[in-house]
Protein backbone atom coordinates (compact mmCIF):
# COMPACT_ATOMS: atom_id res chain seq x y z
CA UNK A 1 17.90 17.22 27.58
CA UNK A 2 14.45 18.85 27.26
CA UNK A 3 15.75 21.84 25.35
CA UNK A 4 17.91 19.62 23.14
CA UNK A 5 14.92 17.42 22.25
CA UNK A 6 12.99 20.57 21.40
CA UNK A 7 15.91 22.07 19.46
CA UNK A 8 16.35 18.93 17.39
CA UNK A 9 12.68 18.69 16.52
CA UNK A 10 10.26 21.62 16.39
CA UNK A 11 12.56 24.34 14.97
CA UNK A 12 14.08 21.87 12.50
CA UNK A 13 10.65 20.83 11.24
CA UNK A 14 9.50 24.42 10.87
CA UNK A 15 12.59 25.48 8.97
CA UNK A 16 12.55 22.58 6.53
CA UNK A 17 8.77 22.76 6.03
CA UNK A 18 9.11 26.45 5.17
CA UNK A 19 11.80 25.53 2.66
CA UNK A 20 9.45 22.90 1.25
CA UNK A 21 6.83 25.63 0.78
CA UNK A 22 9.38 27.49 -1.34
CA UNK A 23 10.10 24.35 -3.35
CA UNK A 24 6.36 23.96 -4.00
CA UNK A 25 6.18 27.62 -5.07
CA UNK A 26 8.88 26.93 -7.64
CA UNK A 27 6.97 23.86 -8.79
CA UNK A 28 3.80 25.90 -9.29
CA UNK A 29 5.71 28.64 -11.12
CA UNK A 30 7.38 26.04 -13.34
CA UNK A 31 3.99 24.54 -14.25
CA UNK A 32 2.55 27.97 -15.03
CA UNK A 33 5.54 29.09 -17.12
CA UNK A 34 5.53 25.90 -19.18
CA UNK A 35 1.75 25.58 -19.35
CA UNK A 36 1.82 22.23 -17.56
CA UNK A 37 -1.29 21.19 -15.68
CA UNK A 38 -0.18 21.59 -12.04
CA UNK A 39 -2.03 18.37 -11.19
CA UNK A 40 0.55 16.51 -13.26
CA UNK A 41 3.34 17.66 -10.94
CA UNK A 42 1.30 17.20 -7.75
CA UNK A 43 0.62 13.62 -8.84
CA UNK A 44 4.14 12.94 -10.17
CA UNK A 45 6.22 10.05 -8.85
CA UNK A 46 9.85 9.10 -9.22
CA UNK A 47 8.86 5.51 -9.98
CA UNK A 48 5.42 3.85 -10.36
CA UNK A 49 5.59 2.06 -7.00
CA UNK A 50 6.49 5.23 -5.08
CA UNK A 51 4.11 7.78 -3.57
CA UNK A 52 3.34 10.95 -5.54
CA UNK A 53 4.47 14.44 -4.58
CA UNK A 54 1.24 15.12 -2.68
CA UNK A 55 1.72 12.09 -0.44
CA UNK A 56 5.41 12.86 0.14
CA UNK A 57 4.45 16.32 1.43
CA UNK A 58 1.67 14.92 3.61
CA UNK A 59 3.88 12.26 5.18
CA UNK A 60 6.70 14.73 5.91
CA UNK A 61 4.24 16.96 7.75
CA UNK A 62 2.72 13.98 9.55
CA UNK A 63 6.13 13.02 10.92
CA UNK A 64 6.68 16.59 12.13
CA UNK A 65 3.34 16.99 13.89
CA UNK A 66 3.43 13.42 15.17
CA UNK A 67 6.86 13.86 16.68
CA UNK A 68 6.16 17.04 18.63
CA UNK A 69 2.88 15.59 19.87
CA UNK A 70 4.26 12.22 20.94
CA UNK A 71 7.45 13.64 22.46
CA UNK A 72 5.32 15.89 24.67
CA UNK A 73 2.88 13.14 25.64
CA UNK A 74 0.07 14.23 23.32
CA UNK A 75 -1.90 12.58 20.56
CA UNK A 76 -1.15 14.07 17.13
CA UNK A 77 -4.03 15.65 15.23
CA UNK A 78 -5.34 13.84 12.18
CA UNK A 79 -5.63 15.78 8.93
CA UNK A 80 -7.66 14.72 5.93
CA UNK A 81 -5.49 13.61 3.04
CA UNK A 82 -7.34 15.51 0.33
CA UNK A 83 -4.78 17.93 -1.10
CA UNK A 84 -4.81 18.04 -4.91
CA UNK A 85 -3.17 21.40 -5.72
CA UNK A 86 0.01 23.22 -4.82
CA UNK A 87 -2.08 25.67 -2.78
CA UNK A 88 -3.71 22.77 -0.92
CA UNK A 89 -0.29 21.33 -0.09
CA UNK A 90 1.01 24.71 1.06
CA UNK A 91 -2.08 25.17 3.26
CA UNK A 92 -1.43 21.78 4.86
CA UNK A 93 2.20 22.74 5.49
CA UNK A 94 1.09 26.06 7.01
CA UNK A 95 -1.36 24.24 9.32
CA UNK A 96 1.40 21.83 10.34
CA UNK A 97 3.86 24.67 10.99
CA UNK A 98 1.27 26.47 13.15
CA UNK A 99 0.72 23.29 15.14
CA UNK A 100 4.44 22.64 15.63
CA UNK A 101 5.08 26.27 16.59
CA UNK A 102 2.49 25.92 19.34
CA UNK A 103 4.91 23.81 21.37
CA UNK A 104 7.44 25.30 23.77
CA UNK A 105 10.79 23.88 24.97
CA UNK A 106 9.52 23.25 28.51
CA UNK A 107 6.87 20.87 27.12
CA UNK A 108 9.70 18.57 26.04
CA UNK A 109 10.83 17.98 29.62
CA UNK A 110 11.50 14.25 29.92
CA UNK A 111 10.96 13.71 26.18
CA UNK A 112 14.28 11.90 25.81
CA UNK A 113 13.12 9.09 28.10
CA UNK A 114 9.38 9.22 27.34
CA UNK A 115 8.12 5.96 25.85
CA UNK A 116 6.57 6.43 22.45
CA UNK A 117 4.42 3.57 21.24
CA UNK A 118 3.03 3.49 17.74
CA UNK A 119 1.74 1.03 15.21
CA UNK A 120 4.23 0.18 12.49
CA UNK A 121 3.22 -2.31 9.81
CA UNK A 122 0.43 -3.59 12.03
CA UNK A 123 2.55 -4.07 15.14
CA UNK A 124 2.89 -1.91 18.24
CA UNK A 125 6.47 -0.68 18.55
CA UNK A 126 7.86 1.22 21.52
CA UNK A 127 10.88 3.49 21.65
CA UNK A 128 12.36 5.93 24.10
CA UNK A 129 12.08 9.53 22.89
CA UNK A 130 15.70 9.87 21.74
CA UNK A 131 15.53 6.68 19.68
CA UNK A 132 12.15 7.67 18.25
CA UNK A 133 13.38 11.12 17.18
CA UNK A 134 16.84 10.09 15.95
CA UNK A 135 16.05 6.76 14.29
CA UNK A 136 12.42 7.01 13.22
CA UNK A 137 11.26 10.60 12.84
CA UNK A 138 14.22 12.53 11.46
CA UNK A 139 15.24 9.97 8.81
CA UNK A 140 11.63 9.61 7.63
CA UNK A 141 10.97 13.36 7.70
CA UNK A 142 14.06 14.10 5.61
CA UNK A 143 13.38 11.16 3.28
CA UNK A 144 9.92 12.45 2.36
CA UNK A 145 10.98 16.09 2.04
CA UNK A 146 13.92 15.02 -0.13
CA UNK A 147 11.69 12.83 -2.27
CA UNK A 148 9.24 15.71 -2.79
CA UNK A 149 12.18 17.90 -3.85
CA UNK A 150 13.49 15.14 -6.13
CA UNK A 151 10.12 14.64 -7.83
CA UNK A 152 9.97 18.31 -8.80
CA UNK A 153 13.64 18.42 -9.79
CA UNK A 154 13.18 15.31 -11.90
CA UNK A 155 10.31 17.07 -13.66
CA UNK A 156 12.48 20.01 -14.66
CA UNK A 157 11.84 22.46 -11.83
CA UNK A 158 14.96 24.54 -11.37
CA UNK A 159 15.90 23.74 -7.79
CA UNK A 160 19.22 23.66 -6.02
CA UNK A 161 20.61 22.62 -2.68
CA UNK A 162 19.96 26.10 -1.31
CA UNK A 163 16.22 25.63 -1.94
CA UNK A 164 16.27 22.52 0.22
CA UNK A 165 18.54 23.80 2.99
CA UNK A 166 17.37 27.41 2.98
CA UNK A 167 19.25 30.41 4.30
CA UNK A 168 21.79 29.79 7.07
């Protein structure tokens, strides 16, 4: 299952993160064309108690880099959360993609059964690799990417399903 664990993680993260870069490009272009301060979109939220676009992008990337690290028995790198522009967010995505692309399928040997322990809401939780990837990482990764997309779409950026999914 090593290659399957790799196939369902690293390449998926890279593809969707690249699509998210394109979504951010459209957000920046929208702000420029309509003379909107880009910081307004970077700080936009769908609802006051939800995270802003910048945090949605950060968290999506954190799930990607955290997953490949933990599934291969490594500690994920920590990035500063200081992005305030579209370019900052794209640079963070690029750094995350480079990190994820540094992993090879053979490093995922035994990942399906590897125990992943992490703190969730102040408690240590442990999962086998398959459960961690399928029930924790992928839903959260897609949730935050989708929410980033939705924030920009809600703010008038012309986006469609193809922007999210990318070329097939």
